[in-house]
Amino acid sequence: MIMAFSTTTASPPLGDVTPPLVPPRKSAHRQEHRQAESTALKQPRSNSIHKDLLVDRSSGRCVKDIYELEPERIGQGAFGIVRRAKHHRTGIAKAVKVIEKAKVKDPRQLKREVANMRQLDHPHIVRLYETFEDATTVQLVLELCGGGELFHAITKVKRFPERETAIIMDQMLRAVHYMHTLHICHRDLKPENFLFMTSQPIEDNVLKLIDFGLSCRCKPPEVLKEVVGTASYVAPQVLTRNYDKQIGRATRLNSSH
């Protein structure tokens, strides 16, 4: 996951709380109190995510209370890994994206990623089920897509027949159109971010859009200025720092060639 940097706000990162100032005490141990206060102010600040982001924080549960995580990685990004997990009670398999908070430079972007995914409910967009947080990581419990990347399928067959190409493009465009009706811009559309649900033939398969790490809200006439995305697929308009959610159409065209 590649994180975008916000250039429109100067507010401090969520969870960045300055310790309250303690008035000096008139006692024989004043120097000790000052030293303790100085030590507290020098301690590293927490990079935790705002409590409203997490559905299970109030219950005190952790992801391992509900899911059994397999040790093998099924995916890896810039900020964490993806592991297969099984629900203790139902046995249903899910994917758990484990994000290391120490690697997240802007917690607000992670907050936006989760908030945007919670708004989405579409057959061609990966579903977010639950979120958890501990001292060092945030875990996103996602729909498991076991059929592999569209990118790998393309490199394997080199060229799809017209019928299969039509099925793939139809599913991709339906996902993006739905997302845009909710004023959500993905900003990293590429074959690597579309996964097949199973290993079945394309005619019997379902394609899912994943990885909303760069996503943001964009309502007309708002204009986006951040240069984000993957260099091999980014639309030229993004490089001009003057684009909106409709630039996704250009990005899709670039990605499909």
C-alpha atoms as a PDB file:
ATOM      1  CA  MET A   1       0.000   0.000   0.000  1.00  0.00           C
ATOM      2  CA  ILE A   2       1.418   3.423  -0.972  1.00  0.00           C
ATOM      3  CA  MET A   3       0.306   6.226   1.264  1.00  0.00           C
ATOM      4  CA  ALA A   4      -0.588   9.699  -0.033  1.00  0.00           C
ATOM      5  CA  PHE A   5       0.492  12.857   1.760  1.00  0.00           C
ATOM      6  CA  SER A   6      -2.034  15.556   2.500  1.00  0.00           C
ATOM      7  CA  THR A   7      -1.067  19.073   1.450  1.00  0.00           C
ATOM      8  CA  THR A   8      -4.287  20.834   2.384  1.00  0.00           C
ATOM      9  CA  THR A   9      -4.280  20.705   6.151  1.00  0.00           C
ATOM     10  CA  ALA A  10      -1.874  21.586   8.915  1.00  0.00           C
ATOM     11  CA  SER A  11      -3.650  19.718  11.664  1.00  0.00           C
ATOM     12  CA  PRO A  12      -1.493  17.303  13.671  1.00  0.00           C
ATOM     13  CA  PRO A  13      -1.736  13.539  13.054  1.00  0.00           C
ATOM     14  CA  LEU A  14      -4.525  11.779  14.890  1.00  0.00           C
ATOM     15  CA  GLY A  15      -3.411  10.467  18.221  1.00  0.00           C
ATOM     16  CA  ASP A  16      -0.714  13.179  18.491  1.00  0.00           C
ATOM     17  CA  VAL A  17      -1.571  14.533  21.917  1.00  0.00           C
ATOM     18  CA  THR A  18       0.707  16.938  23.812  1.00  0.00           C
ATOM     19  CA  PRO A  19       1.015  16.088  27.529  1.00  0.00           C
ATOM     20  CA  PRO A  20      -0.623  18.723  29.764  1.00  0.00           C
ATOM     21  CA  LEU A  21       1.699  21.194  31.446  1.00  0.00           C
ATOM     22  CA  VAL A  22       2.159  20.558  35.145  1.00  0.00           C
ATOM     23  CA  PRO A  23       2.468  23.671  37.377  1.00  0.00           C
ATOM     24  CA  PRO A  24       5.569  23.750  39.581  1.00  0.00           C
ATOM     25  CA  ARG A  25       5.100  22.420  43.055  1.00  0.00           C
ATOM     26  CA  LYS A  26       6.492  24.090  46.155  1.00  0.00           C
ATOM     27  CA  SER A  27       8.188  21.130  47.715  1.00  0.00           C
ATOM     28  CA  ALA A  28      11.612  19.763  48.441  1.00  0.00           C
ATOM     29  CA  HIS A  29      11.285  17.431  45.442  1.00  0.00           C
ATOM     30  CA  ARG A  30      10.674  20.164  42.833  1.00  0.00           C
ATOM     31  CA  GLN A  31      13.739  19.172  40.844  1.00  0.00           C
ATOM     32  CA  GLU A  32      12.577  15.540  40.692  1.00  0.00           C
ATOM     33  CA  HIS A  33       9.185  16.611  39.362  1.00  0.00           C
ATOM     34  CA  ARG A  34      10.816  18.744  36.686  1.00  0.00           C
ATOM     35  CA  GLN A  35      13.000  15.848  35.590  1.00  0.00           C
ATOM     36  CA  ALA A  36      10.004  13.522  35.413  1.00  0.00           C
ATOM     37  CA  GLU A  37       8.060  16.083  33.377  1.00  0.00           C
ATOM     38  CA  SER A  38      10.980  16.543  30.978  1.00  0.00           C
ATOM     39  CA  THR A  39      11.251  12.784  30.493  1.00  0.00           C
ATOM     40  CA  ALA A  40       7.519  12.495  29.757  1.00  0.00           C
ATOM     41  CA  LEU A  41       7.701  15.222  27.119  1.00  0.00           C
ATOM     42  CA  LYS A  42      10.591  13.463  25.373  1.00  0.00           C
ATOM     43  CA  GLN A  43       8.759  10.161  25.045  1.00  0.00           C
ATOM     44  CA  PRO A  44       7.728   9.241  21.470  1.00  0.00           C
ATOM     45  CA  ARG A  45       4.169  10.163  20.662  1.00  0.00           C
ATOM     46  CA  SER A  46       1.625   7.501  19.820  1.00  0.00           C
ATOM     47  CA  ASN A  47       0.837   6.843  16.174  1.00  0.00           C
ATOM     48  CA  SER A  48      -2.444   5.071  16.970  1.00  0.00           C
ATOM     49  CA  ILE A  49      -5.548   5.606  14.874  1.00  0.00           C
ATOM     50  CA  HIS A  50      -8.564   7.544  16.110  1.00  0.00           C
ATOM     51  CA  LYS A  51     -10.935   5.326  18.090  1.00  0.00           C
ATOM     52  CA  ASP A  52     -13.874   6.063  15.780  1.00  0.00           C
ATOM     53  CA  LEU A  53     -12.011   4.218  13.013  1.00  0.00           C
ATOM     54  CA  LEU A  54     -12.239   0.844  14.720  1.00  0.00           C
ATOM     55  CA  VAL A  55     -15.389  -1.237  15.193  1.00  0.00           C
ATOM     56  CA  ASP A  56     -14.070  -3.513  17.940  1.00  0.00           C
ATOM     57  CA  ARG A  57     -11.970  -1.188  20.064  1.00  0.00           C
ATOM     58  CA  SER A  58     -14.615  -0.747  22.758  1.00  0.00           C
ATOM     59  CA  SER A  59     -15.074  -4.491  23.179  1.00  0.00           C
ATOM     60  CA  GLY A  60     -11.415  -5.048  23.971  1.00  0.00           C
ATOM     61  CA  ARG A  61     -11.203  -7.926  21.477  1.00  0.00           C
ATOM     62  CA  CYS A  62      -8.200  -8.538  19.250  1.00  0.00           C
ATOM     63  CA  VAL A  63      -8.141 -10.185  15.858  1.00  0.00           C
ATOM     64  CA  LYS A  64      -6.785 -13.481  17.243  1.00  0.00           C
ATOM     65  CA  ASP A  65      -9.800 -13.756  19.559  1.00  0.00           C
ATOM     66  CA  ILE A  66     -12.009 -14.196  16.501  1.00  0.00           C
ATOM     67  CA  TYR A  67      -9.740 -15.459  13.720  1.00  0.00           C
ATOM     68  CA  GLU A  68      -6.966 -18.010  13.430  1.00  0.00           C
ATOM     69  CA  LEU A  69      -4.237 -16.439  11.309  1.00  0.00           C
ATOM     70  CA  GLU A  70      -2.117 -18.678   9.127  1.00  0.00           C
ATOM     71  CA  PRO A  71       1.632 -17.985   9.276  1.00  0.00           C
ATOM     72  CA  GLU A  72       2.159 -17.859   5.511  1.00  0.00           C
ATOM     73  CA  ARG A  73       1.840 -14.545   3.700  1.00  0.00           C
ATOM     74  CA  ILE A  74      -0.477 -14.366   0.717  1.00  0.00           C
ATOM     75  CA  GLY A  75       0.393 -10.767  -0.098  1.00  0.00           C
ATOM     76  CA  GLN A  76       2.756  -7.968   0.861  1.00  0.00           C
ATOM     77  CA  GLY A  77       2.827  -4.202   0.445  1.00  0.00           C
ATOM     78  CA  ALA A  78       4.858  -1.194   1.535  1.00  0.00           C
ATOM     79  CA  PHE A  79       3.222  -0.977   4.961  1.00  0.00           C
ATOM     80  CA  GLY A  80       2.401  -4.549   5.892  1.00  0.00           C
ATOM     81  CA  ILE A  81       1.390  -8.030   4.850  1.00  0.00           C
ATOM     82  CA  VAL A  82      -1.760 -10.016   4.020  1.00  0.00           C
ATOM     83  CA  ARG A  83      -2.415 -13.357   5.697  1.00  0.00           C
ATOM     84  CA  ARG A  84      -5.157 -15.922   5.299  1.00  0.00           C
ATOM     85  CA  ALA A  85      -7.366 -16.359   8.382  1.00  0.00           C
ATOM     86  CA  LYS A  86     -10.229 -18.607   9.483  1.00  0.00           C
ATOM     87  CA  HIS A  87     -13.113 -17.548  11.704  1.00  0.00           C
ATOM     88  CA  HIS A  88     -13.020 -19.574  14.927  1.00  0.00           C
ATOM     89  CA  ARG A  89     -16.766 -20.170  15.048  1.00  0.00           C
ATOM     90  CA  THR A  90     -17.852 -20.384  11.401  1.00  0.00           C
ATOM     91  CA  GLY A  91     -14.644 -21.629   9.775  1.00  0.00           C
ATOM     92  CA  ILE A  92     -15.099 -19.125   6.942  1.00  0.00           C
ATOM     93  CA  ALA A  93     -11.801 -18.022   5.368  1.00  0.00           C
ATOM     94  CA  LYS A  94     -10.943 -14.326   5.173  1.00  0.00           C
ATOM     95  CA  ALA A  95      -7.893 -12.226   4.321  1.00  0.00           C
ATOM     96  CA  VAL A  96      -6.321 -10.115   7.070  1.00  0.00           C
ATOM     97  CA  LYS A  97      -4.274  -7.110   6.020  1.00  0.00           C
ATOM     98  CA  VAL A  98      -1.812  -6.314   8.825  1.00  0.00           C
ATOM     99  CA  ILE A  99      -0.531  -2.731   8.650  1.00  0.00           C
ATOM    100  CA  GLU A 100       2.462  -1.694  10.732  1.00  0.00           C
ATOM    101  CA  LYS A 101       1.668   1.657  12.355  1.00  0.00           C
ATOM    102  CA  ALA A 102       5.341   2.597  12.584  1.00  0.00           C
ATOM    103  CA  LYS A 103       5.499   2.635   8.765  1.00  0.00           C
ATOM    104  CA  VAL A 104       2.398   4.788   8.341  1.00  0.00           C
ATOM    105  CA  LYS A 105       3.630   8.362   7.967  1.00  0.00           C
ATOM    106  CA  ASP A 106       0.141   9.870   7.771  1.00  0.00           C
ATOM    107  CA  PRO A 107      -2.454   8.046   9.931  1.00  0.00           C
ATOM    108  CA  ARG A 108      -5.168  10.227   8.388  1.00  0.00           C
ATOM    109  CA  GLN A 109      -4.709   8.419   5.074  1.00  0.00           C
ATOM    110  CA  LEU A 110      -5.265   5.067   6.746  1.00  0.00           C
ATOM    111  CA  LYS A 111      -8.377   6.507   8.364  1.00  0.00           C
ATOM    112  CA  ARG A 112      -9.602   7.587   4.908  1.00  0.00           C
ATOM    113  CA  GLU A 113      -8.890   4.159   3.453  1.00  0.00           C
ATOM    114  CA  VAL A 114     -11.060   2.418   6.027  1.00  0.00           C
ATOM    115  CA  ALA A 115     -13.790   5.066   5.944  1.00  0.00           C
ATOM    116  CA  ASN A 116     -14.034   4.810   2.152  1.00  0.00           C
ATOM    117  CA  MET A 117     -14.112   1.002   2.165  1.00  0.00           C
ATOM    118  CA  ARG A 118     -16.938   1.023   4.700  1.00  0.00           C
ATOM    119  CA  GLN A 119     -19.020   3.022   2.241  1.00  0.00           C
ATOM    120  CA  LEU A 120     -18.605   0.439  -0.518  1.00  0.00           C
ATOM    121  CA  ASP A 121     -20.902  -2.528  -1.094  1.00  0.00           C
ATOM    122  CA  HIS A 122     -20.532  -3.846  -4.621  1.00  0.00           C
ATOM    123  CA  PRO A 123     -20.033  -7.327  -6.125  1.00  0.00           C
ATOM    124  CA  HIS A 124     -16.839  -6.209  -7.882  1.00  0.00           C
ATOM    125  CA  ILE A 125     -15.187  -4.418  -4.941  1.00  0.00           C
ATOM    126  CA  VAL A 126     -13.485  -6.327  -2.136  1.00  0.00           C
ATOM    127  CA  ARG A 127     -15.481  -6.123   1.081  1.00  0.00           C
ATOM    128  CA  LEU A 128     -14.160  -4.903   4.420  1.00  0.00           C
ATOM    129  CA  TYR A 129     -15.699  -6.886   7.301  1.00  0.00           C
ATOM    130  CA  GLU A 130     -13.965  -5.775  10.487  1.00  0.00           C
ATOM    131  CA  THR A 131     -11.052  -3.728  11.791  1.00  0.00           C
ATOM    132  CA  PHE A 132      -8.834  -4.253  14.826  1.00  0.00           C
ATOM    133  CA  GLU A 133      -5.927  -2.430  16.398  1.00  0.00           C
ATOM    134  CA  ASP A 134      -3.186  -3.281  18.850  1.00  0.00           C
ATOM    135  CA  ALA A 135      -0.107  -1.406  20.062  1.00  0.00           C
ATOM    136  CA  THR A 136       1.849  -1.795  16.822  1.00  0.00           C
ATOM    137  CA  THR A 137      -0.540  -2.759  14.017  1.00  0.00           C
ATOM    138  CA  VAL A 138      -3.961  -2.185  12.478  1.00  0.00           C
ATOM    139  CA  GLN A 139      -5.672  -5.282  11.026  1.00  0.00           C
ATOM    140  CA  LEU A 140      -8.281  -5.115   8.260  1.00  0.00           C
ATOM    141  CA  VAL A 141     -10.396  -8.242   7.810  1.00  0.00           C
ATOM    142  CA  LEU A 142     -11.244  -8.485   4.124  1.00  0.00           C
ATOM    143  CA  GLU A 143     -13.008 -10.721   1.653  1.00  0.00           C
ATOM    144  CA  LEU A 144     -10.645 -13.471   0.503  1.00  0.00           C
ATOM    145  CA  CYS A 145      -9.889 -13.494  -3.221  1.00  0.00           C
ATOM    146  CA  GLY A 146      -8.058 -16.705  -4.075  1.00  0.00           C
ATOM    147  CA  GLY A 147      -7.845 -16.495  -7.869  1.00  0.00           C
ATOM    148  CA  GLY A 148      -4.800 -14.267  -8.185  1.00  0.00           C
ATOM    149  CA  GLU A 149      -4.139 -10.922  -9.831  1.00  0.00           C
ATOM    150  CA  LEU A 150      -5.502  -9.865 -13.186  1.00  0.00           C
ATOM    151  CA  PHE A 151      -1.919  -8.845 -13.994  1.00  0.00           C
ATOM    152  CA  HIS A 152      -0.692 -12.419 -13.635  1.00  0.00           C
ATOM    153  CA  ALA A 153      -3.540 -13.680 -15.800  1.00  0.00           C
ATOM    154  CA  ILE A 154      -2.606 -11.187 -18.516  1.00  0.00           C
ATOM    155  CA  THR A 155       1.068 -12.172 -18.483  1.00  0.00           C
ATOM    156  CA  LYS A 156       0.112 -15.841 -18.644  1.00  0.00           C
ATOM    157  CA  VAL A 157      -2.177 -15.704 -21.679  1.00  0.00           C
ATOM    158  CA  LYS A 158      -0.640 -12.586 -23.322  1.00  0.00           C
ATOM    159  CA  ARG A 159      -3.957 -11.736 -24.972  1.00  0.00           C
ATOM    160  CA  PHE A 160      -7.519 -12.568 -23.951  1.00  0.00           C
ATOM    161  CA  PRO A 161     -10.166 -13.511 -26.499  1.00  0.00           C
ATOM    162  CA  GLU A 162     -12.676 -10.756 -27.210  1.00  0.00           C
ATOM    163  CA  ARG A 163     -15.415 -12.368 -25.130  1.00  0.00           C
ATOM    164  CA  GLU A 164     -13.216 -12.725 -22.057  1.00  0.00           C
ATOM    165  CA  THR A 165     -11.885  -9.182 -22.489  1.00  0.00           C
ATOM    166  CA  ALA A 166     -15.453  -7.883 -22.568  1.00  0.00           C
ATOM    167  CA  ILE A 167     -16.306  -9.732 -19.344  1.00  0.00           C
ATOM    168  CA  ILE A 168     -13.218  -8.346 -17.581  1.00  0.00           C
ATOM    169  CA  MET A 169     -13.751  -4.763 -18.722  1.00  0.00           C
ATOM    170  CA  ASP A 170     -17.449  -4.879 -17.854  1.00  0.00           C
ATOM    171  CA  GLN A 171     -16.688  -5.903 -14.274  1.00  0.00           C
ATOM    172  CA  MET A 172     -13.901  -3.338 -13.895  1.00  0.00           C
ATOM    173  CA  LEU A 173     -16.008  -0.471 -15.209  1.00  0.00           C
ATOM    174  CA  ARG A 174     -18.990  -1.414 -13.052  1.00  0.00           C
ATOM    175  CA  ALA A 175     -16.809  -1.242  -9.946  1.00  0.00           C
ATOM    176  CA  VAL A 176     -15.319   2.129 -10.847  1.00  0.00           C
ATOM    177  CA  HIS A 177     -18.648   3.637 -11.903  1.00  0.00           C
ATOM    178  CA  TYR A 178     -20.240   2.604  -8.600  1.00  0.00           C
ATOM    179  CA  MET A 179     -17.308   4.054  -6.670  1.00  0.00           C
ATOM    180  CA  HIS A 180     -17.550   7.361  -8.518  1.00  0.00           C
ATOM    181  CA  THR A 181     -21.273   7.666  -7.802  1.00  0.00           C
ATOM    182  CA  LEU A 182     -20.244   7.801  -4.128  1.00  0.00           C
ATOM    183  CA  HIS A 183     -17.600  10.457  -4.937  1.00  0.00           C
ATOM    184  CA  ILE A 184     -14.721   8.107  -4.065  1.00  0.00           C
ATOM    185  CA  CYS A 185     -11.594   8.218  -6.224  1.00  0.00           C
ATOM    186  CA  HIS A 186      -9.322   5.124  -6.089  1.00  0.00           C
ATOM    187  CA  ARG A 187      -6.223   6.767  -7.641  1.00  0.00           C
ATOM    188  CA  ASP A 188      -4.307   3.527  -8.180  1.00  0.00           C
ATOM    189  CA  LEU A 189      -6.233   1.536 -10.754  1.00  0.00           C
ATOM    190  CA  LYS A 190      -4.039  -1.140 -12.325  1.00  0.00           C
ATOM    191  CA  PRO A 191      -4.230  -4.877 -13.141  1.00  0.00           C
ATOM    192  CA  GLU A 192      -2.361  -5.708  -9.923  1.00  0.00           C
ATOM    193  CA  ASN A 193      -5.248  -4.214  -7.924  1.00  0.00           C
ATOM    194  CA  PHE A 194      -7.910  -6.443  -9.458  1.00  0.00           C
ATOM    195  CA  LEU A 195      -8.167  -9.964  -8.049  1.00  0.00           C
ATOM    196  CA  PHE A 196     -10.171 -12.968  -9.210  1.00  0.00           C
ATOM    197  CA  MET A 197     -12.312 -14.654  -6.582  1.00  0.00           C
ATOM    198  CA  THR A 198     -11.443 -18.195  -7.718  1.00  0.00           C
ATOM    199  CA  SER A 199      -9.287 -20.040 -10.214  1.00  0.00           C
ATOM    200  CA  GLN A 200     -12.305 -20.842 -12.396  1.00  0.00           C
ATOM    201  CA  PRO A 201     -12.462 -19.734 -16.062  1.00  0.00           C
ATOM    202  CA  ILE A 202     -13.217 -16.054 -16.588  1.00  0.00           C
ATOM    203  CA  GLU A 203     -16.777 -16.777 -17.751  1.00  0.00           C
ATOM    204  CA  ASP A 204     -17.495 -18.278 -14.312  1.00  0.00           C
ATOM    205  CA  ASN A 205     -15.348 -15.927 -12.244  1.00  0.00           C
ATOM    206  CA  VAL A 206     -15.721 -12.612 -10.427  1.00  0.00           C
ATOM    207  CA  LEU A 207     -13.194  -9.777 -10.488  1.00  0.00           C
ATOM    208  CA  LYS A 208     -12.710  -7.575  -7.390  1.00  0.00           C
ATOM    209  CA  LEU A 209     -11.082  -4.152  -7.019  1.00  0.00           C
ATOM    210  CA  ILE A 210      -8.743  -3.982  -3.999  1.00  0.00           C
ATOM    211  CA  ASP A 211      -6.286  -1.670  -2.163  1.00  0.00           C
ATOM    212  CA  PHE A 212      -7.864   1.668  -1.310  1.00  0.00           C
ATOM    213  CA  GLY A 213      -4.711   3.021   0.332  1.00  0.00           C
ATOM    214  CA  LEU A 214      -4.603   6.041  -2.001  1.00  0.00           C
ATOM    215  CA  SER A 215      -8.347   6.596  -2.221  1.00  0.00           C
ATOM    216  CA  CYS A 216      -9.975   9.878  -1.310  1.00  0.00           C
ATOM    217  CA  ARG A 217     -13.274  11.688  -1.475  1.00  0.00           C
ATOM    218  CA  CYS A 218     -13.758  14.074  -4.380  1.00  0.00           C
ATOM    219  CA  LYS A 219     -17.009  15.949  -4.973  1.00  0.00           C
ATOM    220  CA  PRO A 220     -17.495  18.364  -7.890  1.00  0.00           C
ATOM    221  CA  PRO A 221     -16.146  20.959  -8.379  1.00  0.00           C
ATOM    222  CA  GLU A 222     -13.282  19.866  -6.123  1.00  0.00           C
ATOM    223  CA  VAL A 223      -9.892  19.459  -7.808  1.00  0.00           C
ATOM    224  CA  LEU A 224      -7.153  17.097  -6.615  1.00  0.00           C
ATOM    225  CA  LYS A 225      -3.513  18.144  -6.717  1.00  0.00           C
ATOM    226  CA  GLU A 226      -1.577  15.243  -5.166  1.00  0.00           C
ATOM    227  CA  VAL A 227       0.646  13.279  -7.525  1.00  0.00           C
ATOM    228  CA  VAL A 228      -0.077   9.704  -6.451  1.00  0.00           C
ATOM    229  CA  GLY A 229      -0.409   6.305  -8.069  1.00  0.00           C
ATOM    230  CA  THR A 230       1.891   3.859  -9.842  1.00  0.00           C
ATOM    231  CA  ALA A 231       4.257   5.398 -12.379  1.00  0.00           C
ATOM    232  CA  SER A 232       3.559   2.761 -15.039  1.00  0.00           C
ATOM    233  CA  TYR A 233      -0.176   3.472 -15.000  1.00  0.00           C
ATOM    234  CA  VAL A 234      -0.664   7.052 -13.809  1.00  0.00           C
ATOM    235  CA  ALA A 235      -2.712   9.267 -16.110  1.00  0.00           C
ATOM    236  CA  PRO A 236      -0.912  12.309 -17.578  1.00  0.00           C
ATOM    237  CA  GLN A 237      -3.480  14.624 -16.009  1.00  0.00           C
ATOM    238  CA  VAL A 238      -2.351  13.566 -12.533  1.00  0.00           C
ATOM    239  CA  LEU A 239       1.139  14.861 -13.259  1.00  0.00           C
ATOM    240  CA  THR A 240      -0.310  18.316 -13.946  1.00  0.00           C
ATOM    241  CA  ARG A 241      -1.683  18.376 -10.374  1.00  0.00           C
ATOM    242  CA  ASN A 242      -5.124  19.322 -11.617  1.00  0.00           C
ATOM    243  CA  TYR A 243      -7.596  16.424 -11.787  1.00  0.00           C
ATOM    244  CA  ASP A 244     -10.824  15.091 -10.291  1.00  0.00           C
ATOM    245  CA  LYS A 245     -12.439  11.669  -9.847  1.00  0.00           C
ATOM    246  CA  GLN A 246     -13.229  11.455 -13.562  1.00  0.00           C
ATOM    247  CA  ILE A 247      -9.519  11.119 -14.249  1.00  0.00           C
ATOM    248  CA  GLY A 248     -10.123   7.485 -13.315  1.00  0.00           C
ATOM    249  CA  ARG A 249     -11.430   7.051 -16.847  1.00  0.00           C
ATOM    250  CA  ALA A 250      -8.065   8.079 -18.269  1.00  0.00           C
ATOM    251  CA  THR A 251      -6.236   5.899 -15.760  1.00  0.00           C
ATOM    252  CA  ARG A 252      -8.324   2.897 -16.758  1.00  0.00           C
ATOM    253  CA  LEU A 253      -7.467   3.478 -20.404  1.00  0.00           C
ATOM    254  CA  ASN A 254      -3.772   3.726 -19.593  1.00  0.00           C
ATOM    255  CA  SER A 255      -3.939   0.548 -17.502  1.00  0.00           C
ATOM    256  CA  SER A 256      -5.749  -1.450 -20.158  1.00  0.00           C
ATOM    257  CA  HIS A 257      -3.199  -0.870 -22.918  1.00  0.00           C
END
